């Protein structure tokens, strides 16, 4: 990992932590699905080591709702970012934080 990628990854994790502290992050398959269906989600995050079925389900939901989706990290690393043992799926429910996270991953 290059130094620039390390910095981007650090900012990415910082924004996820901020979303968590602000109460603007839904974690877990059921809660994420509810946020998407309820129109509250602005960004979907799925761990790269999620099952193929889970990835397909959330990619399809994202495409249908025209939401950005990010595949990142592994479930353990993603979980540690939010103070859990693991996290496979997340939904950011704040538009500004979602846009900030998306911009970081577009770099």
C-alpha atoms as a PDB file:
ATOM      1  CA  UNK A   1       0.000   0.000   0.000  1.00  0.00           C
ATOM      2  CA  UNK A   2       1.411   3.367  -0.945  1.00  0.00           C
ATOM      3  CA  UNK A   3       1.607   6.277   1.451  1.00  0.00           C
ATOM      4  CA  UNK A   4      -1.169   8.094  -0.446  1.00  0.00           C
ATOM      5  CA  UNK A   5      -3.465   5.039  -0.273  1.00  0.00           C
ATOM      6  CA  UNK A   6      -2.706   4.720   3.429  1.00  0.00           C
ATOM      7  CA  UNK A   7      -3.782   8.335   3.971  1.00  0.00           C
ATOM      8  CA  UNK A   8      -6.966   7.848   1.964  1.00  0.00           C
ATOM      9  CA  UNK A   9      -7.755   4.666   3.926  1.00  0.00           C
ATOM     10  CA  UNK A  10      -7.169   6.523   7.200  1.00  0.00           C
ATOM     11  CA  UNK A  11      -9.533   9.373   6.168  1.00  0.00           C
ATOM     12  CA  UNK A  12     -12.087   6.817   4.946  1.00  0.00           C
ATOM     13  CA  UNK A  13     -12.064   5.049   8.337  1.00  0.00           C
ATOM     14  CA  UNK A  14     -12.239   8.425  10.087  1.00  0.00           C
ATOM     15  CA  UNK A  15     -15.380   9.393   8.176  1.00  0.00           C
ATOM     16  CA  UNK A  16     -16.996   6.025   8.923  1.00  0.00           C
ATOM     17  CA  UNK A  17     -16.190   6.519  12.619  1.00  0.00           C
ATOM     18  CA  UNK A  18     -17.657  10.017  12.477  1.00  0.00           C
ATOM     19  CA  UNK A  19     -20.846   8.686  10.869  1.00  0.00           C
ATOM     20  CA  UNK A  20     -21.082   6.075  13.628  1.00  0.00           C
ATOM     21  CA  UNK A  21     -20.630   8.638  16.409  1.00  0.00           C
ATOM     22  CA  UNK A  22     -23.196  10.918  14.774  1.00  0.00           C
ATOM     23  CA  UNK A  23     -25.747   8.107  14.606  1.00  0.00           C
ATOM     24  CA  UNK A  24     -25.719   8.228  10.808  1.00  0.00           C
ATOM     25  CA  UNK A  25     -24.556   4.677  10.132  1.00  0.00           C
ATOM     26  CA  UNK A  26     -26.692   1.553   9.965  1.00  0.00           C
ATOM     27  CA  UNK A  27     -24.817  -1.725  10.433  1.00  0.00           C
ATOM     28  CA  UNK A  28     -26.018  -5.230   9.624  1.00  0.00           C
ATOM     29  CA  UNK A  29     -27.937  -6.694   6.740  1.00  0.00           C
ATOM     30  CA  UNK A  30     -31.458  -6.104   8.096  1.00  0.00           C
ATOM     31  CA  UNK A  31     -30.839  -2.531   9.260  1.00  0.00           C
ATOM     32  CA  UNK A  32     -29.090  -1.649   5.999  1.00  0.00           C
ATOM     33  CA  UNK A  33     -31.971  -3.072   3.959  1.00  0.00           C
ATOM     34  CA  UNK A  34     -34.465  -1.085   6.043  1.00  0.00           C
ATOM     35  CA  UNK A  35     -32.468   2.128   5.511  1.00  0.00           C
ATOM     36  CA  UNK A  36     -32.336   1.520   1.751  1.00  0.00           C
ATOM     37  CA  UNK A  37     -36.030   0.692   1.466  1.00  0.00           C
ATOM     38  CA  UNK A  38     -36.944   3.638   3.693  1.00  0.00           C
ATOM     39  CA  UNK A  39     -35.014   6.059   1.482  1.00  0.00           C
ATOM     40  CA  UNK A  40     -32.629   6.973   4.316  1.00  0.00           C
ATOM     41  CA  UNK A  41     -29.434   5.490   2.824  1.00  0.00           C
ATOM     42  CA  UNK A  42     -27.113   7.627   0.706  1.00  0.00           C
ATOM     43  CA  UNK A  43     -24.241   5.137   0.434  1.00  0.00           C
ATOM     44  CA  UNK A  44     -23.869   1.388   0.897  1.00  0.00           C
ATOM     45  CA  UNK A  45     -20.627  -0.176   2.131  1.00  0.00           C
ATOM     46  CA  UNK A  46     -20.001  -3.924   1.816  1.00  0.00           C
ATOM     47  CA  UNK A  47     -16.877  -5.792   2.905  1.00  0.00           C
ATOM     48  CA  UNK A  48     -14.907  -7.426   0.110  1.00  0.00           C
ATOM     49  CA  UNK A  49     -15.057 -10.778   1.890  1.00  0.00           C
ATOM     50  CA  UNK A  50     -18.863 -10.812   2.044  1.00  0.00           C
ATOM     51  CA  UNK A  51     -20.521 -13.791   0.379  1.00  0.00           C
ATOM     52  CA  UNK A  52     -21.201 -13.546  -3.337  1.00  0.00           C
ATOM     53  CA  UNK A  53     -24.923 -13.664  -2.550  1.00  0.00           C
ATOM     54  CA  UNK A  54     -24.664 -10.696  -0.155  1.00  0.00           C
ATOM     55  CA  UNK A  55     -22.608  -8.671  -2.629  1.00  0.00           C
ATOM     56  CA  UNK A  56     -25.093  -9.368  -5.425  1.00  0.00           C
ATOM     57  CA  UNK A  57     -28.093  -8.528  -3.235  1.00  0.00           C
ATOM     58  CA  UNK A  58     -26.698  -5.142  -2.224  1.00  0.00           C
ATOM     59  CA  UNK A  59     -25.334  -4.338  -5.698  1.00  0.00           C
ATOM     60  CA  UNK A  60     -28.813  -5.002  -7.099  1.00  0.00           C
ATOM     61  CA  UNK A  61     -30.471  -2.877  -4.399  1.00  0.00           C
ATOM     62  CA  UNK A  62     -27.975  -0.074  -5.033  1.00  0.00           C
ATOM     63  CA  UNK A  63     -28.556  -0.189  -8.786  1.00  0.00           C
ATOM     64  CA  UNK A  64     -32.339  -0.198  -8.355  1.00  0.00           C
ATOM     65  CA  UNK A  65     -32.273   2.769  -5.948  1.00  0.00           C
ATOM     66  CA  UNK A  66     -29.438   4.517  -7.834  1.00  0.00           C
ATOM     67  CA  UNK A  67     -27.207   4.524  -4.754  1.00  0.00           C
ATOM     68  CA  UNK A  68     -23.423   4.358  -4.746  1.00  0.00           C
ATOM     69  CA  UNK A  69     -21.896   1.204  -3.310  1.00  0.00           C
ATOM     70  CA  UNK A  70     -18.351   0.692  -2.056  1.00  0.00           C
ATOM     71  CA  UNK A  71     -16.678  -2.701  -1.649  1.00  0.00           C
ATOM     72  CA  UNK A  72     -13.859  -2.263   0.831  1.00  0.00           C
ATOM     73  CA  UNK A  73     -11.699  -3.904   3.477  1.00  0.00           C
ATOM     74  CA  UNK A  74     -12.600  -7.160   5.106  1.00  0.00           C
ATOM     75  CA  UNK A  75     -15.303  -7.723   7.701  1.00  0.00           C
ATOM     76  CA  UNK A  76     -12.861  -7.655  10.634  1.00  0.00           C
ATOM     77  CA  UNK A  77     -11.196  -4.385   9.635  1.00  0.00           C
ATOM     78  CA  UNK A  78     -14.537  -2.749   8.845  1.00  0.00           C
ATOM     79  CA  UNK A  79     -15.884  -3.877  12.213  1.00  0.00           C
ATOM     80  CA  UNK A  80     -12.886  -2.528  14.129  1.00  0.00           C
ATOM     81  CA  UNK A  81     -13.515   0.852  12.503  1.00  0.00           C
ATOM     82  CA  UNK A  82     -16.876   1.052  14.275  1.00  0.00           C
ATOM     83  CA  UNK A  83     -15.921  -0.742  17.494  1.00  0.00           C
ATOM     84  CA  UNK A  84     -17.317  -4.170  16.666  1.00  0.00           C
ATOM     85  CA  UNK A  85     -15.803  -7.585  16.076  1.00  0.00           C
ATOM     86  CA  UNK A  86     -16.900  -7.514  12.440  1.00  0.00           C
ATOM     87  CA  UNK A  87     -19.217  -5.683  10.052  1.00  0.00           C
ATOM     88  CA  UNK A  88     -20.208  -6.920   6.605  1.00  0.00           C
ATOM     89  CA  UNK A  89     -22.726  -4.284   5.479  1.00  0.00           C
ATOM     90  CA  UNK A  90     -23.232  -0.626   6.341  1.00  0.00           C
ATOM     91  CA  UNK A  91     -25.402   2.216   5.116  1.00  0.00           C
ATOM     92  CA  UNK A  92     -24.491   5.887   5.563  1.00  0.00           C
ATOM     93  CA  UNK A  93     -27.628   7.931   6.266  1.00  0.00           C
ATOM     94  CA  UNK A  94     -26.057  11.387   6.046  1.00  0.00           C
ATOM     95  CA  UNK A  95     -25.738  12.911   2.581  1.00  0.00           C
ATOM     96  CA  UNK A  96     -22.613  14.975   3.318  1.00  0.00           C
ATOM     97  CA  UNK A  97     -20.717  12.084   4.911  1.00  0.00           C
ATOM     98  CA  UNK A  98     -21.767   9.777   2.069  1.00  0.00           C
ATOM     99  CA  UNK A  99     -20.479  12.257  -0.516  1.00  0.00           C
ATOM    100  CA  UNK A 100     -17.195  12.638   1.381  1.00  0.00           C
ATOM    101  CA  UNK A 101     -16.683   8.870   1.513  1.00  0.00           C
ATOM    102  CA  UNK A 102     -17.533   8.506  -2.179  1.00  0.00           C
ATOM    103  CA  UNK A 103     -15.041  11.245  -3.145  1.00  0.00           C
ATOM    104  CA  UNK A 104     -12.279   9.477  -1.210  1.00  0.00           C
ATOM    105  CA  UNK A 105     -12.916   6.189  -3.010  1.00  0.00           C
ATOM    106  CA  UNK A 106     -13.037   7.883  -6.417  1.00  0.00           C
ATOM    107  CA  UNK A 107      -9.414   9.010  -6.004  1.00  0.00           C
END
